[in-house]
């Protein structure tokens, strides 16, 4: 009988990079530049973002080592906290991830609109999601092989942008500077910039969902997560240096298609077409890795009876759980702007969820935690608190709506929990 495929160290590193590097690095630097208003604060925000991400990688690697199972990102909450909290946080994350996948698919569809002018954007986005659903039905070996190719192409695009540091002359220095978005001081400007930076670094924690499918997981997964985040941090810093070098800080802060501008400097008019093709590939890579990770959380929740057990009844987890996540993503395509609004509110909840997730290392570890893990957890949890405070200060409405959203899901989770308890009794 053919043995089940196990992920290698290379596969896991590529998954980490795929989970983190999405569309953000092609857009977020402009927002960070505008919000910071100062080139020193700009680089400080990216360096701090990298430090926080590395601390988070070390923390979640410790959690993954303590619980090397499939769907671990759900299970660490289920073991460390009350089932209702585990249900609420994971449902928020699943809805946000499905909406993110849908939003990225819509972006990709918009790039194809010029080639398919008579087909609605929503139809094209849905087609992308359905194609990737079929791909993931073929199994883990096929989907991870394709993912490695997709992320390889995306990294090649980032390498091209970074190469502009060598092959493109520096933009003229503008001495006027940029007024920060908020005038209440350095900390407020830095806090705003860090919110945008954190968006580009998120996702690596989902790697622990594959713990049960990694060869020699307890040893290899932590190493792969940390190496992946270190590679991403280096790529981000070099890419941002290239943006500043080619465009100048002032132009960077007031532009949107910053990657297209840099590629245009490298390849001339054909650069825009090259960028469009690569961004579409990036869309497929982002949606594909979302379909690799999130259904494993759904299956873990259904196995525990938190979600309908039918979602885990198939001997191959891709079927029920993958179909559920695909349908949620497709629904998000047609909800459109309303879902994008919901995503803004869940940024606040994500910071809280990540903080609680990192804290599970103190409940899960059967051995004494190393001083490195203690320091990493303290840094990362503090960064989550800082992000939550920033969002509450800068967008109080979003924070309040986010709290109301998770409270509503907690109520649903509590009702379901009580019903299961009564049935068991």
Protein backbone atom coordinates (compact mmCIF):
# COMPACT_ATOMS: atom_id res chain seq x y z
CA UNK A 1 0.00 0.00 0.00
CA UNK A 2 1.32 3.46 -0.94
CA UNK A 3 2.38 5.50 2.12
CA UNK A 4 0.81 8.87 2.85
CA UNK A 5 2.83 11.83 1.56
CA UNK A 6 4.68 13.79 4.23
CA UNK A 7 5.85 17.39 3.85
CA UNK A 8 9.61 17.92 3.69
CA UNK A 9 11.58 20.75 5.30
CA UNK A 10 11.66 22.56 1.94
CA UNK A 11 7.87 22.16 1.56
CA UNK A 12 7.26 23.66 5.00
CA UNK A 13 9.59 26.64 4.45
CA UNK A 14 7.82 27.35 1.16
CA UNK A 15 4.46 27.07 2.93
CA UNK A 16 5.57 29.62 5.53
CA UNK A 17 6.65 32.02 2.78
CA UNK A 18 3.41 31.38 0.88
CA UNK A 19 1.27 32.02 3.95
CA UNK A 20 2.95 35.37 4.60
CA UNK A 21 3.93 36.91 1.24
CA UNK A 22 0.70 37.88 -0.47
CA UNK A 23 -0.26 41.09 -2.22
CA UNK A 24 0.70 43.29 0.74
CA UNK A 25 4.36 43.83 -0.12
CA UNK A 26 3.31 45.21 -3.52
CA UNK A 27 1.10 47.89 -1.89
CA UNK A 28 1.63 48.29 1.87
CA UNK A 29 5.01 50.10 1.69
CA UNK A 30 3.27 53.17 0.24
CA UNK A 31 0.83 53.20 3.17
CA UNK A 32 3.66 52.74 5.68
CA UNK A 33 5.58 55.63 4.12
CA UNK A 34 2.56 57.94 4.22
CA UNK A 35 1.64 57.05 7.81
CA UNK A 36 5.17 57.29 9.16
CA UNK A 37 5.97 60.54 7.37
CA UNK A 38 9.67 60.01 7.94
CA UNK A 39 12.15 57.66 6.31
CA UNK A 40 13.73 56.73 9.65
CA UNK A 41 10.33 55.80 11.11
CA UNK A 42 9.55 53.98 7.86
CA UNK A 43 12.50 51.61 8.22
CA UNK A 44 12.00 51.38 11.99
CA UNK A 45 8.44 50.14 11.41
CA UNK A 46 9.61 47.41 9.00
CA UNK A 47 12.46 46.33 11.28
CA UNK A 48 10.13 46.20 14.29
CA UNK A 49 7.60 44.26 12.21
CA UNK A 50 10.32 41.73 11.39
CA UNK A 51 11.35 41.46 15.05
CA UNK A 52 7.74 40.91 16.12
CA UNK A 53 7.25 38.31 13.37
CA UNK A 54 10.41 36.42 14.36
CA UNK A 55 9.27 36.49 18.00
CA UNK A 56 5.88 35.18 16.88
CA UNK A 57 7.55 32.48 14.79
CA UNK A 58 9.58 31.28 17.78
CA UNK A 59 6.47 31.31 19.98
CA UNK A 60 4.18 29.45 17.59
CA UNK A 61 6.99 27.04 16.73
CA UNK A 62 7.06 26.13 20.43
CA UNK A 63 3.27 25.66 20.37
CA UNK A 64 3.55 23.55 17.24
CA UNK A 65 6.27 21.42 18.81
CA UNK A 66 4.03 20.80 21.82
CA UNK A 67 1.10 19.82 19.60
CA UNK A 68 2.33 18.43 16.23
CA UNK A 69 -1.10 17.53 14.82
CA UNK A 70 -3.24 18.50 11.83
CA UNK A 71 -5.41 21.54 12.55
CA UNK A 72 -3.23 22.54 15.52
CA UNK A 73 -4.14 26.22 15.33
CA UNK A 74 -7.65 25.27 16.44
CA UNK A 75 -6.54 22.62 18.89
CA UNK A 76 -4.16 24.84 20.86
CA UNK A 77 -7.15 27.03 21.74
CA UNK A 78 -9.37 24.03 22.47
CA UNK A 79 -6.83 22.56 24.90
CA UNK A 80 -5.65 25.76 26.58
CA UNK A 81 -8.95 27.64 26.82
CA UNK A 82 -12.68 27.10 27.13
CA UNK A 83 -14.28 25.48 24.02
CA UNK A 84 -16.44 28.57 23.45
CA UNK A 85 -13.35 30.80 23.19
CA UNK A 86 -11.72 28.33 20.81
CA UNK A 87 -14.86 28.28 18.68
CA UNK A 88 -15.22 32.08 18.58
CA UNK A 89 -11.61 32.90 17.71
CA UNK A 90 -11.32 30.21 15.06
CA UNK A 91 -14.61 31.13 13.41
CA UNK A 92 -13.48 34.77 13.20
CA UNK A 93 -10.20 33.63 11.65
CA UNK A 94 -11.92 31.32 9.16
CA UNK A 95 -14.36 33.99 8.00
CA UNK A 96 -11.56 36.55 7.70
CA UNK A 97 -9.36 34.15 5.74
CA UNK A 98 -12.18 33.24 3.37
CA UNK A 99 -12.94 36.91 2.80
CA UNK A 100 -9.23 37.61 2.25
CA UNK A 101 -9.04 34.82 -0.32
CA UNK A 102 -12.11 36.22 -2.08
CA UNK A 103 -10.75 39.76 -2.02
CA UNK A 104 -7.43 38.69 -3.49
CA UNK A 105 -9.26 36.66 -6.16
CA UNK A 106 -11.24 39.78 -7.09
CA UNK A 107 -8.00 41.75 -7.42
CA UNK A 108 -6.66 39.09 -9.77
CA UNK A 109 -9.89 39.12 -11.76
CA UNK A 110 -9.59 42.87 -12.20
CA UNK A 111 -6.17 42.41 -13.80
CA UNK A 112 -7.68 39.88 -16.24
CA UNK A 113 -10.59 42.18 -17.13
CA UNK A 114 -8.61 43.75 -19.97
CA UNK A 115 -8.15 40.31 -21.52
CA UNK A 116 -11.74 39.16 -20.84
CA UNK A 117 -13.79 42.39 -21.06
CA UNK A 118 -17.19 40.69 -21.45
CA UNK A 119 -16.93 38.48 -18.34
CA UNK A 120 -17.96 39.95 -14.96
CA UNK A 121 -15.20 40.25 -12.36
CA UNK A 122 -17.16 38.15 -9.87
CA UNK A 123 -17.44 35.30 -12.39
CA UNK A 124 -13.70 35.33 -13.08
CA UNK A 125 -12.89 35.40 -9.35
CA UNK A 126 -15.27 32.51 -8.71
CA UNK A 127 -13.65 30.53 -11.53
CA UNK A 128 -10.21 31.02 -9.96
CA UNK A 129 -11.47 29.71 -6.62
CA UNK A 130 -13.21 26.71 -8.21
CA UNK A 131 -10.08 25.79 -10.22
CA UNK A 132 -7.98 25.82 -7.06
CA UNK A 133 -10.66 23.78 -5.25
CA UNK A 134 -10.28 21.10 -7.92
CA UNK A 135 -6.51 21.26 -7.65
CA UNK A 136 -6.60 20.68 -3.90
CA UNK A 137 -8.93 17.70 -4.39
CA UNK A 138 -6.04 15.99 -6.18
CA UNK A 139 -4.20 15.71 -2.88
CA UNK A 140 -1.51 17.27 -0.71
CA UNK A 141 1.41 16.23 -2.94
CA UNK A 142 -0.07 17.91 -6.03
CA UNK A 143 -1.24 21.08 -4.28
CA UNK A 144 2.06 21.63 -2.44
CA UNK A 145 4.06 21.00 -5.63
CA UNK A 146 2.02 23.63 -7.46
CA UNK A 147 2.32 25.95 -4.45
CA UNK A 148 6.11 25.67 -4.53
CA UNK A 149 6.11 26.73 -8.19
CA UNK A 150 3.71 29.64 -7.56
CA UNK A 151 5.65 31.04 -4.61
CA UNK A 152 8.89 30.52 -6.55
CA UNK A 153 7.58 32.79 -9.32
CA UNK A 154 6.43 35.38 -6.78
CA UNK A 155 9.85 35.38 -5.12
CA UNK A 156 11.43 35.81 -8.56
CA UNK A 157 9.30 38.93 -8.99
CA UNK A 158 10.49 40.28 -5.65
CA UNK A 159 14.09 39.47 -6.60
CA UNK A 160 13.57 41.51 -9.78
CA UNK A 161 12.31 44.44 -7.69
CA UNK A 162 15.27 44.11 -5.33
CA UNK A 163 17.65 44.00 -8.30
CA UNK A 164 16.61 47.57 -9.06
CA UNK A 165 18.97 48.55 -6.23
CA UNK A 166 21.79 47.66 -8.63
CA UNK A 167 20.38 48.20 -12.11
CA UNK A 168 18.34 51.39 -11.68
CA UNK A 169 19.72 54.78 -10.69
CA UNK A 170 18.62 56.37 -7.44
CA UNK A 171 15.73 58.83 -7.50
CA UNK A 172 16.57 62.47 -6.77
CA UNK A 173 16.54 63.27 -3.06
CA UNK A 174 13.62 65.47 -1.99
CA UNK A 175 14.42 67.47 1.10
CA UNK A 176 10.89 68.64 1.90
CA UNK A 177 9.80 65.44 3.66
CA UNK A 178 6.26 64.28 4.30
CA UNK A 179 3.86 65.36 6.99
CA UNK A 180 2.68 62.31 8.96
CA UNK A 181 -1.00 61.42 8.89
CA UNK A 182 -1.32 62.19 12.61
CA UNK A 183 0.48 65.09 14.25
CA UNK A 184 0.33 63.81 17.83
CA UNK A 185 3.91 62.57 17.85
CA UNK A 186 6.33 59.88 16.80
CA UNK A 187 4.60 57.03 18.66
CA UNK A 188 1.28 57.62 16.94
CA UNK A 189 2.89 57.75 13.49
CA UNK A 190 4.92 54.62 14.27
CA UNK A 191 1.84 52.86 15.63
CA UNK A 192 -0.16 53.60 12.48
CA UNK A 193 2.71 52.44 10.28
CA UNK A 194 3.08 49.21 12.29
CA UNK A 195 -0.58 48.31 11.70
CA UNK A 196 0.07 48.31 7.94
CA UNK A 197 3.37 46.44 8.40
CA UNK A 198 1.73 43.75 10.54
CA UNK A 199 -0.73 43.05 7.72
CA UNK A 200 2.14 41.98 5.45
CA UNK A 201 3.76 39.72 8.08
CA UNK A 202 0.70 37.73 9.17
CA UNK A 203 0.01 34.10 8.30
CA UNK A 204 3.06 32.10 9.42
CA UNK A 205 1.21 30.86 12.52
CA UNK A 206 -1.07 28.77 10.29
CA UNK A 207 1.91 26.51 9.49
CA UNK A 208 1.22 24.58 12.69
CA UNK A 209 -2.01 23.32 11.06
CA UNK A 210 0.17 20.91 9.07
CA UNK A 211 1.91 19.41 12.14
CA UNK A 212 0.46 15.95 11.54
CA UNK A 213 1.60 15.93 7.90
CA UNK A 214 5.24 16.96 8.30
CA UNK A 215 8.02 14.39 8.35
CA UNK A 216 9.74 14.48 11.77
CA UNK A 217 7.41 17.34 12.70
CA UNK A 218 8.60 18.09 16.24
CA UNK A 219 12.14 18.80 15.03
CA UNK A 220 11.59 20.18 11.54
CA UNK A 221 8.52 22.41 11.90
CA UNK A 222 10.02 24.92 14.38
CA UNK A 223 13.19 25.23 12.29
CA UNK A 224 11.18 25.71 9.10
CA UNK A 225 8.91 28.39 10.62
CA UNK A 226 11.81 30.45 11.94
CA UNK A 227 13.86 30.10 8.74
CA UNK A 228 10.83 31.06 6.65
CA UNK A 229 10.17 34.23 8.67
CA UNK A 230 13.86 35.20 8.58
CA UNK A 231 13.85 34.87 4.78
CA UNK A 232 10.65 36.94 4.54
CA UNK A 233 12.07 39.69 6.78
CA UNK A 234 15.19 39.94 4.63
CA UNK A 235 13.11 40.05 1.42
CA UNK A 236 10.83 42.77 2.81
CA UNK A 237 13.69 44.99 3.95
CA UNK A 238 15.46 44.69 0.60
CA UNK A 239 12.24 45.27 -1.36
CA UNK A 240 11.49 48.42 0.64
CA UNK A 241 15.04 49.65 0.12
CA UNK A 242 14.47 49.15 -3.62
CA UNK A 243 11.19 51.09 -3.54
CA UNK A 244 12.85 54.03 -1.79
CA UNK A 245 15.92 53.85 -4.04
CA UNK A 246 13.99 53.87 -7.33
CA UNK A 247 10.98 56.04 -6.49
CA UNK A 248 12.20 58.25 -3.68
CA UNK A 249 10.42 58.40 -0.33
CA UNK A 250 8.01 61.17 -1.30
CA UNK A 251 6.85 59.43 -4.50
CA UNK A 252 6.56 56.11 -2.64
CA UNK A 253 4.26 57.68 -0.04
CA UNK A 254 1.92 59.13 -2.67
CA UNK A 255 1.75 56.20 -5.12
CA UNK A 256 -0.34 53.04 -5.25
CA UNK A 257 1.07 50.81 -8.01
CA UNK A 258 4.57 50.98 -6.58
CA UNK A 259 5.65 47.57 -7.89
CA UNK A 260 4.51 48.51 -11.40
CA UNK A 261 6.54 51.72 -11.24
CA UNK A 262 9.70 49.86 -10.24
CA UNK A 263 9.21 47.11 -12.83
CA UNK A 264 8.57 49.80 -15.45
CA UNK A 265 11.96 51.31 -14.60
CA UNK A 266 13.56 47.89 -15.07
CA UNK A 267 11.84 46.59 -18.19
CA UNK A 268 10.24 49.62 -19.81
CA UNK A 269 6.64 49.61 -21.13
CA UNK A 270 6.50 45.81 -21.14
CA UNK A 271 7.01 45.85 -17.38
CA UNK A 272 3.30 46.50 -16.71
CA UNK A 273 2.28 43.34 -18.59
CA UNK A 274 4.94 41.32 -16.77
CA UNK A 275 3.71 42.64 -13.44
CA UNK A 276 0.06 41.85 -14.27
CA UNK A 277 0.97 38.25 -15.08
CA UNK A 278 2.98 37.84 -11.89
CA UNK A 279 0.27 39.42 -9.73
CA UNK A 280 -2.26 36.96 -11.15
CA UNK A 281 0.14 34.14 -10.26
CA UNK A 282 0.43 35.67 -6.77
CA UNK A 283 -3.37 35.59 -6.49
CA UNK A 284 -3.42 31.87 -7.29
CA UNK A 285 -0.63 31.27 -4.77
CA UNK A 286 -2.43 33.15 -1.98
CA UNK A 287 -5.81 31.48 -2.55
CA UNK A 288 -4.21 28.06 -2.96
CA UNK A 289 -2.33 28.24 0.34
CA UNK A 290 -5.53 29.44 2.06
CA UNK A 291 -7.21 26.28 0.75
CA UNK A 292 -4.31 24.21 2.00
CA UNK A 293 -4.42 25.57 5.55
CA UNK A 294 -7.96 26.57 6.55
CA UNK A 295 -9.83 23.32 5.74
CA UNK A 296 -7.56 21.56 8.22
CA UNK A 297 -8.89 23.83 10.96
CA UNK A 298 -12.46 23.12 9.83
CA UNK A 299 -11.82 19.38 9.97
CA UNK A 300 -10.26 19.59 13.43
CA UNK A 301 -13.30 21.54 14.68
CA UNK A 302 -15.74 19.09 13.10
CA UNK A 303 -13.86 16.09 14.50
CA UNK A 304 -14.34 17.57 17.97
CA UNK A 305 -18.04 18.18 17.27
CA UNK A 306 -17.67 21.98 17.32
CA UNK A 307 -18.81 22.03 13.67
CA UNK A 308 -20.99 19.38 11.96
CA UNK A 309 -19.22 16.02 12.01
CA UNK A 310 -20.09 15.49 8.33
CA UNK A 311 -17.25 17.86 7.50
CA UNK A 312 -14.73 15.29 8.80
CA UNK A 313 -16.51 12.10 7.78
CA UNK A 314 -14.55 11.74 4.53
CA UNK A 315 -11.36 9.66 4.76
CA UNK A 316 -9.68 12.43 2.76
CA UNK A 317 -9.99 15.72 4.58
CA UNK A 318 -10.03 17.79 1.38
CA UNK A 319 -13.65 16.94 0.57
CA UNK A 320 -16.08 18.20 3.21
CA UNK A 321 -13.91 20.80 4.92
CA UNK A 322 -12.38 22.06 1.66
CA UNK A 323 -15.80 22.38 0.06
CA UNK A 324 -17.05 24.39 3.04
CA UNK A 325 -14.15 26.82 2.88
CA UNK A 326 -14.52 27.12 -0.90
CA UNK A 327 -18.24 27.93 -0.64
CA UNK A 328 -17.51 30.52 2.08
CA UNK A 329 -14.89 32.13 -0.17
CA UNK A 330 -17.26 32.20 -3.15
CA UNK A 331 -20.01 33.72 -1.01
CA UNK A 332 -17.53 36.39 0.06
CA UNK A 333 -16.91 37.28 -3.59
CA UNK A 334 -20.56 38.22 -4.03
CA UNK A 335 -20.95 39.95 -0.68
CA UNK A 336 -18.18 42.27 -1.88
CA UNK A 337 -17.82 45.58 -0.13
CA UNK A 338 -19.77 44.49 2.92
CA UNK A 339 -17.24 41.74 3.53
CA UNK A 340 -14.35 44.13 3.05
CA UNK A 341 -15.88 46.26 5.81
CA UNK A 342 -16.09 43.21 8.08
CA UNK A 343 -12.42 42.51 7.39
CA UNK A 344 -11.49 45.97 8.70
CA UNK A 345 -13.18 45.15 11.99
CA UNK A 346 -11.52 41.75 12.33
CA UNK A 347 -8.00 43.24 12.26
CA UNK A 348 -8.58 44.22 15.89
CA UNK A 349 -9.79 40.70 16.73
CA UNK A 350 -6.86 39.08 14.91
CA UNK A 351 -4.39 40.84 17.21
CA UNK A 352 -6.28 39.56 20.27
CA UNK A 353 -6.52 36.06 18.81
CA UNK A 354 -2.80 35.93 18.02
CA UNK A 355 -1.98 37.12 21.52
CA UNK A 356 -4.13 34.39 23.08
CA UNK A 357 -2.65 31.87 20.64
CA UNK A 358 0.90 32.77 21.63
CA UNK A 359 0.03 32.50 25.33
CA UNK A 360 -0.93 28.82 24.87
CA UNK A 361 2.76 27.84 25.01
CA UNK A 362 2.50 28.17 28.80
CA UNK A 363 -0.35 25.63 28.95
CA UNK A 364 0.76 23.24 26.22
CA UNK A 365 4.44 22.72 26.95
CA UNK A 366 5.16 19.58 28.93
CA UNK A 367 8.76 20.64 29.47
CA UNK A 368 10.26 23.77 30.94
CA UNK A 369 10.24 26.57 28.37
CA UNK A 370 13.58 27.94 27.26
CA UNK A 371 14.52 31.54 28.04
CA UNK A 372 14.37 32.21 24.29
CA UNK A 373 10.73 31.13 24.17
CA UNK A 374 9.89 33.24 27.23
CA UNK A 375 11.45 36.36 25.67
CA UNK A 376 9.88 35.69 22.26
CA UNK A 377 6.41 35.17 23.76
CA UNK A 378 6.70 38.35 25.84
CA UNK A 379 7.76 40.42 22.83
CA UNK A 380 5.06 39.00 20.56
CA UNK A 381 2.19 39.25 23.06
CA UNK A 382 3.25 42.82 23.85
CA UNK A 383 3.18 43.64 20.12
CA UNK A 384 -0.36 42.24 19.87
CA UNK A 385 -1.48 44.40 22.78
CA UNK A 386 0.21 47.43 21.19
CA UNK A 387 -1.57 46.78 17.89
CA UNK A 388 -4.95 46.43 19.61
CA UNK A 389 -4.46 49.69 21.49
CA UNK A 390 -3.42 51.46 18.29
CA UNK A 391 -6.47 50.27 16.40
CA UNK A 392 -8.76 51.21 19.29
CA UNK A 393 -7.18 54.68 19.40
CA UNK A 394 -7.15 55.29 15.64
CA UNK A 395 -10.42 53.59 14.69
CA UNK A 396 -12.55 53.16 17.80
CA UNK A 397 -15.61 52.24 15.74
CA UNK A 398 -13.79 49.31 14.13
CA UNK A 399 -12.64 48.06 17.54
CA UNK A 400 -16.13 48.29 19.04
CA UNK A 401 -17.69 46.53 16.05
CA UNK A 402 -14.99 43.86 16.25
CA UNK A 403 -15.74 43.24 19.93
CA UNK A 404 -19.46 43.05 19.14
CA UNK A 405 -18.77 40.55 16.34
CA UNK A 406 -16.74 38.19 18.51
CA UNK A 407 -19.29 38.56 21.33
CA UNK A 408 -22.04 37.44 18.95
CA UNK A 409 -20.01 34.43 17.84
CA UNK A 410 -19.29 33.62 21.50
CA UNK A 411 -23.05 33.56 22.15
CA UNK A 412 -23.54 31.14 19.24
CA UNK A 413 -20.64 29.01 20.50
CA UNK A 414 -22.04 28.98 24.04
CA UNK A 415 -25.48 27.86 22.82
CA UNK A 416 -23.90 25.09 20.75
CA UNK A 417 -21.72 24.08 23.71
CA UNK A 418 -24.71 23.87 26.05
CA UNK A 419 -26.67 21.82 23.52
CA UNK A 420 -23.78 19.35 23.15
CA UNK A 421 -23.42 19.12 26.92
CA UNK A 422 -27.14 18.36 27.34
CA UNK A 423 -26.99 15.72 24.57
CA UNK A 424 -23.97 14.10 26.24
CA UNK A 425 -25.72 14.08 29.59
